[in-house]
Amino acid sequence: MQKDRSFGDDAGREGLLRVFELLGDDPRVRQYRGRMASLLH
């Protein structure tokens, strides 16, 4: 994701978002959503 966000039609980001949905309210989700956002923006 960091090197090429558009790779595989944004597959990296989409995959992580699905994992975050599966984990629900797990505290790590908030932590890693923040890390993902900082990588992408």
PDB file of N, CA and C in Angstrom:
ATOM      1  N   MET A   1       0.816  -1.187   0.000  1.00  0.00           N
ATOM      2  CA  MET A   1       0.000   0.000   0.000  1.00  0.00           C
ATOM      3  C   MET A   1       0.859   1.250   0.000  1.00  0.00           C
ATOM      4  N   GLN A   2       1.930   1.213   0.717  1.00  0.00           N
ATOM      5  CA  GLN A   2       2.753   2.410   0.842  1.00  0.00           C
ATOM      6  C   GLN A   2       3.420   2.760  -0.477  1.00  0.00           C
ATOM      7  N   LYS A   3       3.882   1.766  -1.217  1.00  0.00           N
ATOM      8  CA  LYS A   3       4.593   2.039  -2.462  1.00  0.00           C
ATOM      9  C   LYS A   3       3.657   2.305  -3.625  1.00  0.00           C
ATOM     10  N   ASP A   4       2.544   1.570  -3.713  1.00  0.00           N
ATOM     11  CA  ASP A   4       1.626   1.719  -4.841  1.00  0.00           C
ATOM     12  C   ASP A   4       0.209   1.407  -4.390  1.00  0.00           C
ATOM     13  N   ARG A   5      -0.490   2.439  -3.968  1.00  0.00           N
ATOM     14  CA  ARG A   5      -1.844   2.257  -3.438  1.00  0.00           C
ATOM     15  C   ARG A   5      -2.783   1.640  -4.463  1.00  0.00           C
ATOM     16  N   SER A   6      -2.601   1.952  -5.724  1.00  0.00           N
ATOM     17  CA  SER A   6      -3.537   1.491  -6.753  1.00  0.00           C
ATOM     18  C   SER A   6      -3.287   0.054  -7.200  1.00  0.00           C
ATOM     19  N   PHE A   7      -2.238  -0.584  -6.704  1.00  0.00           N
ATOM     20  CA  PHE A   7      -1.925  -1.953  -7.109  1.00  0.00           C
ATOM     21  C   PHE A   7      -3.117  -2.868  -6.849  1.00  0.00           C
ATOM     22  N   GLY A   8      -3.482  -3.625  -7.845  1.00  0.00           N
ATOM     23  CA  GLY A   8      -4.585  -4.579  -7.691  1.00  0.00           C
ATOM     24  C   GLY A   8      -5.908  -3.916  -7.376  1.00  0.00           C
ATOM     25  N   ASP A   9      -6.145  -2.753  -7.978  1.00  0.00           N
ATOM     26  CA  ASP A   9      -7.385  -1.998  -7.718  1.00  0.00           C
ATOM     27  C   ASP A   9      -7.592  -1.733  -6.234  1.00  0.00           C
ATOM     28  N   ASP A  10      -6.518  -1.320  -5.565  1.00  0.00           N
ATOM     29  CA  ASP A  10      -6.571  -0.949  -4.142  1.00  0.00           C
ATOM     30  C   ASP A  10      -6.835  -2.162  -3.244  1.00  0.00           C
ATOM     31  N   ALA A  11      -6.353  -3.318  -3.678  1.00  0.00           N
ATOM     32  CA  ALA A  11      -6.615  -4.579  -2.974  1.00  0.00           C
ATOM     33  C   ALA A  11      -6.071  -4.587  -1.547  1.00  0.00           C
ATOM     34  N   GLY A  12      -4.921  -3.988  -1.315  1.00  0.00           N
ATOM     35  CA  GLY A  12      -4.348  -3.970   0.031  1.00  0.00           C
ATOM     36  C   GLY A  12      -5.246  -3.262   1.026  1.00  0.00           C
ATOM     37  N   ARG A  13      -5.704  -2.086   0.652  1.00  0.00           N
ATOM     38  CA  ARG A  13      -6.584  -1.313   1.532  1.00  0.00           C
ATOM     39  C   ARG A  13      -7.920  -2.027   1.723  1.00  0.00           C
ATOM     40  N   GLU A  14      -8.478  -2.513   0.634  1.00  0.00           N
ATOM     41  CA  GLU A  14      -9.764  -3.212   0.714  1.00  0.00           C
ATOM     42  C   GLU A  14      -9.669  -4.447   1.614  1.00  0.00           C
ATOM     43  N   GLY A  15      -8.591  -5.189   1.482  1.00  0.00           N
ATOM     44  CA  GLY A  15      -8.406  -6.377   2.311  1.00  0.00           C
ATOM     45  C   GLY A  15      -8.306  -6.044   3.784  1.00  0.00           C
ATOM     46  N   LEU A  16      -7.541  -5.004   4.094  1.00  0.00           N
ATOM     47  CA  LEU A  16      -7.415  -4.600   5.502  1.00  0.00           C
ATOM     48  C   LEU A  16      -8.749  -4.129   6.066  1.00  0.00           C
ATOM     49  N   LEU A  17      -9.506  -3.398   5.277  1.00  0.00           N
ATOM     50  CA  LEU A  17     -10.808  -2.940   5.759  1.00  0.00           C
ATOM     51  C   LEU A  17     -11.726  -4.121   6.072  1.00  0.00           C
ATOM     52  N   ARG A  18     -11.654  -5.160   5.273  1.00  0.00           N
ATOM     53  CA  ARG A  18     -12.466  -6.359   5.543  1.00  0.00           C
ATOM     54  C   ARG A  18     -12.022  -7.050   6.829  1.00  0.00           C
ATOM     55  N   VAL A  19     -10.716  -7.114   7.040  1.00  0.00           N
ATOM     56  CA  VAL A  19     -10.208  -7.708   8.284  1.00  0.00           C
ATOM     57  C   VAL A  19     -10.656  -6.878   9.479  1.00  0.00           C
ATOM     58  N   PHE A  20     -10.592  -5.559   9.355  1.00  0.00           N
ATOM     59  CA  PHE A  20     -11.031  -4.687  10.439  1.00  0.00           C
ATOM     60  C   PHE A  20     -12.504  -4.930  10.763  1.00  0.00           C
ATOM     61  N   GLU A  21     -13.323  -5.127   9.744  1.00  0.00           N
ATOM     62  CA  GLU A  21     -14.740  -5.414   9.971  1.00  0.00           C
ATOM     63  C   GLU A  21     -14.915  -6.722  10.736  1.00  0.00           C
ATOM     64  N   LEU A  22     -14.140  -7.732  10.375  1.00  0.00           N
ATOM     65  CA  LEU A  22     -14.236  -9.027  11.053  1.00  0.00           C
ATOM     66  C   LEU A  22     -13.839  -8.931  12.523  1.00  0.00           C
ATOM     67  N   LEU A  23     -12.839  -8.110  12.813  1.00  0.00           N
ATOM     68  CA  LEU A  23     -12.349  -7.972  14.186  1.00  0.00           C
ATOM     69  C   LEU A  23     -13.277  -7.131  15.055  1.00  0.00           C
ATOM     70  N   GLY A  24     -14.098  -6.322  14.437  1.00  0.00           N
ATOM     71  CA  GLY A  24     -15.079  -5.529  15.186  1.00  0.00           C
ATOM     72  C   GLY A  24     -14.438  -4.484  16.078  1.00  0.00           C
ATOM     73  N   ASP A  25     -14.777  -4.537  17.365  1.00  0.00           N
ATOM     74  CA  ASP A  25     -14.343  -3.512  18.322  1.00  0.00           C
ATOM     75  C   ASP A  25     -13.006  -3.808  18.982  1.00  0.00           C
ATOM     76  N   ASP A  26     -12.234  -4.677  18.414  1.00  0.00           N
ATOM     77  CA  ASP A  26     -10.919  -5.000  18.965  1.00  0.00           C
ATOM     78  C   ASP A  26     -10.076  -3.724  19.037  1.00  0.00           C
ATOM     79  N   PRO A  27      -9.408  -3.464  20.153  1.00  0.00           N
ATOM     80  CA  PRO A  27      -8.605  -2.244  20.301  1.00  0.00           C
ATOM     81  C   PRO A  27      -7.515  -2.101  19.235  1.00  0.00           C
ATOM     82  N   ARG A  28      -7.034  -3.212  18.732  1.00  0.00           N
ATOM     83  CA  ARG A  28      -5.989  -3.143  17.709  1.00  0.00           C
ATOM     84  C   ARG A  28      -6.505  -2.563  16.400  1.00  0.00           C
ATOM     85  N   VAL A  29      -7.805  -2.699  16.151  1.00  0.00           N
ATOM     86  CA  VAL A  29      -8.375  -2.166  14.916  1.00  0.00           C
ATOM     87  C   VAL A  29      -8.164  -0.661  14.856  1.00  0.00           C
ATOM     88  N   ARG A  30      -8.448   0.019  15.932  1.00  0.00           N
ATOM     89  CA  ARG A  30      -8.273   1.475  15.959  1.00  0.00           C
ATOM     90  C   ARG A  30      -6.811   1.851  15.714  1.00  0.00           C
ATOM     91  N   GLN A  31      -5.918   1.122  16.355  1.00  0.00           N
ATOM     92  CA  GLN A  31      -4.484   1.382  16.205  1.00  0.00           C
ATOM     93  C   GLN A  31      -4.053   1.209  14.748  1.00  0.00           C
ATOM     94  N   TYR A  32      -4.448   0.102  14.144  1.00  0.00           N
ATOM     95  CA  TYR A  32      -3.989  -0.179  12.790  1.00  0.00           C
ATOM     96  C   TYR A  32      -4.726   0.630  11.734  1.00  0.00           C
ATOM     97  N   ARG A  33      -5.953   1.043  12.001  1.00  0.00           N
ATOM     98  CA  ARG A  33      -6.633   1.958  11.077  1.00  0.00           C
ATOM     99  C   ARG A  33      -5.855   3.274  11.003  1.00  0.00           C
ATOM    100  N   GLY A  34      -5.393   3.737  12.146  1.00  0.00           N
ATOM    101  CA  GLY A  34      -4.595   4.960  12.179  1.00  0.00           C
ATOM    102  C   GLY A  34      -3.299   4.817  11.408  1.00  0.00           C
ATOM    103  N   ARG A  35      -2.650   3.686  11.568  1.00  0.00           N
ATOM    104  CA  ARG A  35      -1.393   3.449  10.839  1.00  0.00           C
ATOM    105  C   ARG A  35      -1.645   3.374   9.338  1.00  0.00           C
ATOM    106  N   MET A  36      -2.737   2.715   8.952  1.00  0.00           N
ATOM    107  CA  MET A  36      -3.073   2.612   7.539  1.00  0.00           C
ATOM    108  C   MET A  36      -3.352   4.001   6.963  1.00  0.00           C
ATOM    109  N   ALA A  37      -4.089   4.804   7.684  1.00  0.00           N
ATOM    110  CA  ALA A  37      -4.411   6.150   7.217  1.00  0.00           C
ATOM    111  C   ALA A  37      -3.146   6.987   7.039  1.00  0.00           C
ATOM    112  N   SER A  38      -2.211   6.866   7.958  1.00  0.00           N
ATOM    113  CA  SER A  38      -0.983   7.656   7.839  1.00  0.00           C
ATOM    114  C   SER A  38      -0.135   7.195   6.655  1.00  0.00           C
ATOM    115  N   LEU A  39      -0.204   5.922   6.309  1.00  0.00           N
ATOM    116  CA  LEU A  39       0.520   5.432   5.134  1.00  0.00           C
ATOM    117  C   LEU A  39      -0.074   5.967   3.840  1.00  0.00           C
ATOM    118  N   LEU A  40      -1.381   6.099   3.819  1.00  0.00           N
ATOM    119  CA  LEU A  40      -2.070   6.457   2.582  1.00  0.00           C
ATOM    120  C   LEU A  40      -2.165   7.959   2.344  1.00  0.00           C
ATOM    121  N   HIS A  41      -1.995   8.738   3.404  1.00  0.00           N
ATOM    122  CA  HIS A  41      -2.191  10.190   3.229  1.00  0.00           C
ATOM    123  C   HIS A  41      -0.959  10.962   3.559  1.00  0.00           C
TER     124      HIS A  41
END
